[in-house]
Amino acid sequence: MPKGKSTLLKTAGLVSMITSCLIGGTVGGLFFGLWLDSQIGTKPLFLIIFLLLGLLTGCYGTFQLIRPHLGDD
């Protein structure tokens, strides 16, 4: 495989992993917060908490993914 094509595939894979990390954390927090609110009866409280936790988790995972590519040691 030519070097340019290999780099393109690695970049596409990294972008895919970043997208999965951000969307997965957010959607996971959203659904868990909605489920917990329906079980306890506190409508927006846990939705907001777990949505923010999901966003933070997604951002942290994204940072961990791109840190080796930043070049800062």
C-alpha atoms as a PDB file:
ATOM      1  CA  MET A   1       0.000   0.000   0.000  1.00  0.00           C
ATOM      2  CA  PRO A   2       1.418   3.423  -0.881  1.00  0.00           C
ATOM      3  CA  LYS A   3       2.440   5.664   2.022  1.00  0.00           C
ATOM      4  CA  GLY A   4      -0.104   8.382   1.183  1.00  0.00           C
ATOM      5  CA  LYS A   5      -2.991   5.935   1.225  1.00  0.00           C
ATOM      6  CA  SER A   6      -1.835   4.450   4.527  1.00  0.00           C
ATOM      7  CA  THR A   7      -1.694   7.909   6.114  1.00  0.00           C
ATOM      8  CA  LEU A   8      -5.157   8.709   4.785  1.00  0.00           C
ATOM      9  CA  LEU A   9      -6.573   5.511   6.278  1.00  0.00           C
ATOM     10  CA  LYS A  10      -4.925   6.188   9.653  1.00  0.00           C
ATOM     11  CA  THR A  11      -6.341   9.705   9.664  1.00  0.00           C
ATOM     12  CA  ALA A  12      -9.807   8.461   8.739  1.00  0.00           C
ATOM     13  CA  GLY A  13      -9.599   5.881  11.527  1.00  0.00           C
ATOM     14  CA  LEU A  14      -8.574   8.519  14.072  1.00  0.00           C
ATOM     15  CA  VAL A  15     -11.434  10.808  13.027  1.00  0.00           C
ATOM     16  CA  SER A  16     -13.841   7.892  13.312  1.00  0.00           C
ATOM     17  CA  MET A  17     -12.613   7.048  16.816  1.00  0.00           C
ATOM     18  CA  ILE A  18     -12.869  10.691  17.921  1.00  0.00           C
ATOM     19  CA  THR A  19     -16.427  10.920  16.602  1.00  0.00           C
ATOM     20  CA  SER A  20     -17.385   7.668  18.311  1.00  0.00           C
ATOM     21  CA  CYS A  21     -15.889   8.821  21.577  1.00  0.00           C
ATOM     22  CA  LEU A  22     -17.713  12.163  21.594  1.00  0.00           C
ATOM     23  CA  ILE A  23     -21.059  10.832  20.398  1.00  0.00           C
ATOM     24  CA  GLY A  24     -20.928   7.652  22.487  1.00  0.00           C
ATOM     25  CA  GLY A  25     -20.242   9.455  25.744  1.00  0.00           C
ATOM     26  CA  THR A  26     -22.899  12.060  25.110  1.00  0.00           C
ATOM     27  CA  VAL A  27     -25.610   9.628  23.990  1.00  0.00           C
ATOM     28  CA  GLY A  28     -24.755   7.213  26.805  1.00  0.00           C
ATOM     29  CA  GLY A  29     -25.071   9.984  29.388  1.00  0.00           C
ATOM     30  CA  LEU A  30     -28.297  11.182  27.791  1.00  0.00           C
ATOM     31  CA  PHE A  31     -30.005   7.778  27.873  1.00  0.00           C
ATOM     32  CA  PHE A  32     -28.750   6.899  31.347  1.00  0.00           C
ATOM     33  CA  GLY A  33     -29.908  10.264  32.694  1.00  0.00           C
ATOM     34  CA  LEU A  34     -33.337   9.860  31.090  1.00  0.00           C
ATOM     35  CA  TRP A  35     -33.669   6.333  32.449  1.00  0.00           C
ATOM     36  CA  LEU A  36     -32.601   7.363  35.957  1.00  0.00           C
ATOM     37  CA  ASP A  37     -34.986  10.329  35.940  1.00  0.00           C
ATOM     38  CA  SER A  38     -37.880   8.080  34.920  1.00  0.00           C
ATOM     39  CA  GLN A  39     -37.037   5.629  37.738  1.00  0.00           C
ATOM     40  CA  ILE A  40     -36.678   8.237  40.476  1.00  0.00           C
ATOM     41  CA  GLY A  41     -39.081  10.897  39.200  1.00  0.00           C
ATOM     42  CA  THR A  42     -36.670  13.822  39.066  1.00  0.00           C
ATOM     43  CA  LYS A  43     -37.292  14.874  35.495  1.00  0.00           C
ATOM     44  CA  PRO A  44     -34.396  17.088  34.329  1.00  0.00           C
ATOM     45  CA  LEU A  45     -31.900  16.646  37.181  1.00  0.00           C
ATOM     46  CA  PHE A  46     -30.077  13.435  36.280  1.00  0.00           C
ATOM     47  CA  LEU A  47     -30.478  14.092  32.566  1.00  0.00           C
ATOM     48  CA  ILE A  48     -28.437  17.272  32.909  1.00  0.00           C
ATOM     49  CA  ILE A  49     -25.886  15.705  35.253  1.00  0.00           C
ATOM     50  CA  PHE A  50     -25.212  12.625  33.128  1.00  0.00           C
ATOM     51  CA  LEU A  51     -25.329  14.556  29.872  1.00  0.00           C
ATOM     52  CA  LEU A  52     -22.548  16.802  31.180  1.00  0.00           C
ATOM     53  CA  LEU A  53     -20.639  13.785  32.516  1.00  0.00           C
ATOM     54  CA  GLY A  54     -20.990  12.099  29.120  1.00  0.00           C
ATOM     55  CA  LEU A  55     -19.671  15.197  27.365  1.00  0.00           C
ATOM     56  CA  LEU A  56     -16.723  15.411  29.750  1.00  0.00           C
ATOM     57  CA  THR A  57     -15.994  11.714  29.324  1.00  0.00           C
ATOM     58  CA  GLY A  58     -16.099  12.083  25.543  1.00  0.00           C
ATOM     59  CA  CYS A  59     -13.753  15.078  25.643  1.00  0.00           C
ATOM     60  CA  TYR A  60     -11.352  13.252  27.951  1.00  0.00           C
ATOM     61  CA  GLY A  61     -11.360  10.189  25.693  1.00  0.00           C
ATOM     62  CA  THR A  62     -10.770  12.389  22.659  1.00  0.00           C
ATOM     63  CA  PHE A  63      -7.823  14.060  24.364  1.00  0.00           C
ATOM     64  CA  GLN A  64      -6.360  10.656  25.214  1.00  0.00           C
ATOM     65  CA  LEU A  65      -6.728   9.603  21.573  1.00  0.00           C
ATOM     66  CA  ILE A  66      -5.030  12.646  20.076  1.00  0.00           C
ATOM     67  CA  ARG A  67      -2.333  13.144  22.727  1.00  0.00           C
ATOM     68  CA  PRO A  68       0.184  10.818  21.005  1.00  0.00           C
ATOM     69  CA  HIS A  69      -0.270  12.792  17.786  1.00  0.00           C
ATOM     70  CA  LEU A  70       0.339  16.223  19.340  1.00  0.00           C
ATOM     71  CA  GLY A  71       4.093  15.828  19.587  1.00  0.00           C
ATOM     72  CA  ASP A  72       4.312  17.321  23.089  1.00  0.00           C
ATOM     73  CA  ASP A  73       6.224  15.036  25.421  1.00  0.00           C
END
